[in-house]
Amino acid sequence: MRLIALFVMLSVLFFIPVPKTFQQSLGSAVLNTGHIIFFCLFGFAFFRFTQGTLRYRIGLFLIVVFAISLSVESIQSMVGRAFQWGDILRNELGAMLGLSLYLCFTVSSARQLSLRLTWLLLVMIAIVIERMPLVHELMHNHT
């Protein structure tokens, strides 16, 4: 119950207007990374409560994350923030990272570990590709 309360309290951050200083490209890119971090923690914390076969659990969990993300983005558009499909993508990537990490900690065989580490690596590569504009922006502003 405390875990749910913690995530509900943190989710309020998705509805607070973004300060002007963070609305520029670099600030926005840094804030967008928060979606990945939040949903990584969400995936790590809540995936364990799913039931059924592993394939079913993963599919159901990602559908639930998509529904939550779609709801959050829709509500954001009503409170003065913009609806962004990119945020939904970042939420899904974060959830996949979190559940990948969770699965790596709950393996029962070397073969499972190999498959789960491969999945984790693929998710991390996808996140790096999605965050490349942030890296580019940080390097551009640093020089």
C-alpha atoms as a PDB file:
ATOM      1  CA  MET A   1       0.000   0.000   0.000  1.00  0.00           C
ATOM      2  CA  ARG A   2       2.900   2.375   0.745  1.00  0.00           C
ATOM      3  CA  LEU A   3       4.341   1.626  -2.677  1.00  0.00           C
ATOM      4  CA  ILE A   4       1.104   2.685  -4.379  1.00  0.00           C
ATOM      5  CA  ALA A   5       0.929   5.843  -2.261  1.00  0.00           C
ATOM      6  CA  LEU A   6       4.530   6.705  -3.186  1.00  0.00           C
ATOM      7  CA  PHE A   7       3.853   6.355  -6.922  1.00  0.00           C
ATOM      8  CA  VAL A   8       0.619   8.333  -6.680  1.00  0.00           C
ATOM      9  CA  MET A   9       2.486  11.154  -4.921  1.00  0.00           C
ATOM     10  CA  LEU A  10       5.275  11.107  -7.518  1.00  0.00           C
ATOM     11  CA  SER A  11       2.810  11.004 -10.398  1.00  0.00           C
ATOM     12  CA  VAL A  12       1.582  14.460  -9.391  1.00  0.00           C
ATOM     13  CA  LEU A  13       4.793  15.770 -10.984  1.00  0.00           C
ATOM     14  CA  PHE A  14       3.330  14.913 -14.399  1.00  0.00           C
ATOM     15  CA  PHE A  15       0.637  17.557 -13.905  1.00  0.00           C
ATOM     16  CA  ILE A  16       2.676  20.481 -12.590  1.00  0.00           C
ATOM     17  CA  PRO A  17       3.291  23.172 -15.207  1.00  0.00           C
ATOM     18  CA  VAL A  18       6.863  23.154 -16.482  1.00  0.00           C
ATOM     19  CA  PRO A  19       8.853  26.282 -15.524  1.00  0.00           C
ATOM     20  CA  LYS A  20       9.882  28.511 -18.441  1.00  0.00           C
ATOM     21  CA  THR A  21      13.571  27.706 -17.932  1.00  0.00           C
ATOM     22  CA  PHE A  22      12.885  24.025 -18.620  1.00  0.00           C
ATOM     23  CA  GLN A  23      10.761  24.630 -21.700  1.00  0.00           C
ATOM     24  CA  GLN A  24      13.809  25.163 -23.895  1.00  0.00           C
ATOM     25  CA  SER A  25      15.213  22.174 -25.745  1.00  0.00           C
ATOM     26  CA  LEU A  26      17.847  21.152 -23.188  1.00  0.00           C
ATOM     27  CA  GLY A  27      15.598  21.536 -20.143  1.00  0.00           C
ATOM     28  CA  SER A  28      12.785  19.726 -21.887  1.00  0.00           C
ATOM     29  CA  ALA A  29      15.076  16.881 -22.911  1.00  0.00           C
ATOM     30  CA  VAL A  30      16.328  16.472 -19.342  1.00  0.00           C
ATOM     31  CA  LEU A  31      12.776  16.487 -17.953  1.00  0.00           C
ATOM     32  CA  ASN A  32      11.701  13.925 -20.555  1.00  0.00           C
ATOM     33  CA  THR A  33      14.300  11.536 -19.134  1.00  0.00           C
ATOM     34  CA  GLY A  34      12.209  11.626 -15.957  1.00  0.00           C
ATOM     35  CA  HIS A  35       9.535   9.610 -17.776  1.00  0.00           C
ATOM     36  CA  ILE A  36      12.001   6.793 -18.326  1.00  0.00           C
ATOM     37  CA  ILE A  37      13.218   6.872 -14.723  1.00  0.00           C
ATOM     38  CA  PHE A  38       9.714   7.023 -13.209  1.00  0.00           C
ATOM     39  CA  PHE A  39       8.367   4.153 -15.306  1.00  0.00           C
ATOM     40  CA  CYS A  40      11.539   2.106 -14.803  1.00  0.00           C
ATOM     41  CA  LEU A  41      10.898   2.263 -11.063  1.00  0.00           C
ATOM     42  CA  PHE A  42       7.200   1.615 -11.708  1.00  0.00           C
ATOM     43  CA  GLY A  43       7.994  -1.483 -13.789  1.00  0.00           C
ATOM     44  CA  PHE A  44      10.494  -2.791 -11.267  1.00  0.00           C
ATOM     45  CA  ALA A  45       8.066  -2.268  -8.387  1.00  0.00           C
ATOM     46  CA  PHE A  46       4.762  -3.412  -9.878  1.00  0.00           C
ATOM     47  CA  PHE A  47       5.565  -6.139 -12.421  1.00  0.00           C
ATOM     48  CA  ARG A  48       5.848  -8.667  -9.597  1.00  0.00           C
ATOM     49  CA  PHE A  49       2.128  -8.322  -8.922  1.00  0.00           C
ATOM     50  CA  THR A  50       1.087  -9.610 -12.360  1.00  0.00           C
ATOM     51  CA  GLN A  51      -0.096 -13.203 -12.718  1.00  0.00           C
ATOM     52  CA  GLY A  52      -0.131 -15.782 -15.498  1.00  0.00           C
ATOM     53  CA  THR A  53       2.503 -16.963 -17.924  1.00  0.00           C
ATOM     54  CA  LEU A  54       5.499 -14.691 -18.368  1.00  0.00           C
ATOM     55  CA  ARG A  55       4.530 -13.763 -21.922  1.00  0.00           C
ATOM     56  CA  TYR A  56       0.987 -12.891 -20.815  1.00  0.00           C
ATOM     57  CA  ARG A  57       2.266 -10.892 -17.828  1.00  0.00           C
ATOM     58  CA  ILE A  58       4.651  -8.835 -19.975  1.00  0.00           C
ATOM     59  CA  GLY A  59       1.997  -8.114 -22.592  1.00  0.00           C
ATOM     60  CA  LEU A  60      -0.628  -7.188 -20.017  1.00  0.00           C
ATOM     61  CA  PHE A  61       1.812  -5.011 -18.081  1.00  0.00           C
ATOM     62  CA  LEU A  62       2.857  -3.069 -21.180  1.00  0.00           C
ATOM     63  CA  ILE A  63      -0.800  -2.564 -22.150  1.00  0.00           C
ATOM     64  CA  VAL A  64      -1.542  -1.242 -18.650  1.00  0.00           C
ATOM     65  CA  VAL A  65       1.460   1.128 -18.867  1.00  0.00           C
ATOM     66  CA  PHE A  66       0.220   2.320 -22.277  1.00  0.00           C
ATOM     67  CA  ALA A  67      -3.276   2.943 -20.863  1.00  0.00           C
ATOM     68  CA  ILE A  68      -1.867   4.818 -17.865  1.00  0.00           C
ATOM     69  CA  SER A  69       0.395   6.856 -20.152  1.00  0.00           C
ATOM     70  CA  LEU A  70      -2.435   7.683 -22.528  1.00  0.00           C
ATOM     71  CA  SER A  71      -4.595   8.762 -19.588  1.00  0.00           C
ATOM     72  CA  VAL A  72      -1.845  10.928 -18.095  1.00  0.00           C
ATOM     73  CA  GLU A  73      -1.117  12.595 -21.433  1.00  0.00           C
ATOM     74  CA  SER A  74      -4.822  13.231 -22.039  1.00  0.00           C
ATOM     75  CA  ILE A  75      -5.249  14.802 -18.611  1.00  0.00           C
ATOM     76  CA  GLN A  76      -2.083  16.863 -19.121  1.00  0.00           C
ATOM     77  CA  SER A  77      -3.566  18.363 -22.264  1.00  0.00           C
ATOM     78  CA  MET A  78      -6.525  19.548 -20.158  1.00  0.00           C
ATOM     79  CA  VAL A  79      -4.381  21.240 -17.488  1.00  0.00           C
ATOM     80  CA  GLY A  80      -2.195  23.357 -19.733  1.00  0.00           C
ATOM     81  CA  ARG A  81       0.513  20.878 -20.682  1.00  0.00           C
ATOM     82  CA  ALA A  82       0.940  19.352 -24.109  1.00  0.00           C
ATOM     83  CA  PHE A  83      -0.034  15.824 -25.139  1.00  0.00           C
ATOM     84  CA  GLN A  84       3.137  14.141 -26.412  1.00  0.00           C
ATOM     85  CA  TRP A  85       3.360  10.727 -28.019  1.00  0.00           C
ATOM     86  CA  GLY A  86       7.076  10.801 -27.246  1.00  0.00           C
ATOM     87  CA  ASP A  87       6.249  10.760 -23.525  1.00  0.00           C
ATOM     88  CA  ILE A  88       4.205   7.605 -24.028  1.00  0.00           C
ATOM     89  CA  LEU A  89       7.157   6.024 -25.838  1.00  0.00           C
ATOM     90  CA  ARG A  90       9.506   7.028 -23.011  1.00  0.00           C
ATOM     91  CA  ASN A  91       7.057   5.626 -20.448  1.00  0.00           C
ATOM     92  CA  GLU A  92       6.955   2.287 -22.282  1.00  0.00           C
ATOM     93  CA  LEU A  93      10.749   2.183 -22.596  1.00  0.00           C
ATOM     94  CA  GLY A  94      11.106   2.943 -18.894  1.00  0.00           C
ATOM     95  CA  ALA A  95       8.589   0.234 -17.969  1.00  0.00           C
ATOM     96  CA  MET A  96      10.403  -2.264 -20.201  1.00  0.00           C
ATOM     97  CA  LEU A  97      13.701  -1.351 -18.545  1.00  0.00           C
ATOM     98  CA  GLY A  98      12.209  -1.795 -15.073  1.00  0.00           C
ATOM     99  CA  LEU A  99      10.602  -5.125 -15.813  1.00  0.00           C
ATOM    100  CA  SER A 100      13.780  -6.289 -17.589  1.00  0.00           C
ATOM    101  CA  LEU A 101      15.797  -5.492 -14.490  1.00  0.00           C
ATOM    102  CA  TYR A 102      13.217  -7.242 -12.334  1.00  0.00           C
ATOM    103  CA  LEU A 103      13.332 -10.325 -14.548  1.00  0.00           C
ATOM    104  CA  CYS A 104      17.142 -10.421 -14.420  1.00  0.00           C
ATOM    105  CA  PHE A 105      16.941 -10.584 -10.624  1.00  0.00           C
ATOM    106  CA  THR A 106      14.399 -13.429 -10.687  1.00  0.00           C
ATOM    107  CA  VAL A 107      15.994 -15.932 -13.057  1.00  0.00           C
ATOM    108  CA  SER A 108      16.121 -19.623 -12.298  1.00  0.00           C
ATOM    109  CA  SER A 109      18.532 -20.861 -14.977  1.00  0.00           C
ATOM    110  CA  ALA A 110      21.563 -19.762 -16.989  1.00  0.00           C
ATOM    111  CA  ARG A 111      19.538 -19.905 -20.230  1.00  0.00           C
ATOM    112  CA  GLN A 112      16.874 -17.618 -18.761  1.00  0.00           C
ATOM    113  CA  LEU A 113      19.555 -15.227 -17.558  1.00  0.00           C
ATOM    114  CA  SER A 114      21.093 -15.105 -21.027  1.00  0.00           C
ATOM    115  CA  LEU A 115      17.725 -14.323 -22.658  1.00  0.00           C
ATOM    116  CA  ARG A 116      16.818 -11.741 -20.046  1.00  0.00           C
ATOM    117  CA  LEU A 117      20.192 -10.009 -20.260  1.00  0.00           C
ATOM    118  CA  THR A 118      19.809  -9.880 -24.042  1.00  0.00           C
ATOM    119  CA  TRP A 119      16.348  -8.311 -23.615  1.00  0.00           C
ATOM    120  CA  LEU A 120      17.802  -5.839 -21.096  1.00  0.00           C
ATOM    121  CA  LEU A 121      20.579  -4.903 -23.516  1.00  0.00           C
ATOM    122  CA  LEU A 122      18.086  -4.352 -26.355  1.00  0.00           C
ATOM    123  CA  VAL A 123      15.908  -2.139 -24.161  1.00  0.00           C
ATOM    124  CA  MET A 124      18.949  -0.138 -23.084  1.00  0.00           C
ATOM    125  CA  ILE A 125      20.012   0.327 -26.712  1.00  0.00           C
ATOM    126  CA  ALA A 126      16.504   1.560 -27.560  1.00  0.00           C
ATOM    127  CA  ILE A 127      16.688   4.056 -24.687  1.00  0.00           C
ATOM    128  CA  VAL A 128      20.108   5.307 -25.794  1.00  0.00           C
ATOM    129  CA  ILE A 129      18.809   5.786 -29.346  1.00  0.00           C
ATOM    130  CA  GLU A 130      15.736   7.634 -28.063  1.00  0.00           C
ATOM    131  CA  ARG A 131      17.877   9.850 -25.801  1.00  0.00           C
ATOM    132  CA  MET A 132      20.533  10.638 -28.458  1.00  0.00           C
ATOM    133  CA  PRO A 133      19.128  14.144 -29.054  1.00  0.00           C
ATOM    134  CA  LEU A 134      19.703  14.868 -25.340  1.00  0.00           C
ATOM    135  CA  VAL A 135      23.307  13.698 -25.569  1.00  0.00           C
ATOM    136  CA  HIS A 136      23.791  15.807 -28.695  1.00  0.00           C
ATOM    137  CA  GLU A 137      22.270  18.846 -26.990  1.00  0.00           C
ATOM    138  CA  LEU A 138      24.431  18.394 -23.879  1.00  0.00           C
ATOM    139  CA  MET A 139      27.575  18.109 -26.008  1.00  0.00           C
ATOM    140  CA  HIS A 140      26.569  21.110 -28.122  1.00  0.00           C
ATOM    141  CA  ASN A 141      25.942  23.328 -25.063  1.00  0.00           C
ATOM    142  CA  HIS A 142      29.124  22.176 -23.351  1.00  0.00           C
ATOM    143  CA  THR A 143      31.405  23.286 -26.183  1.00  0.00           C
END
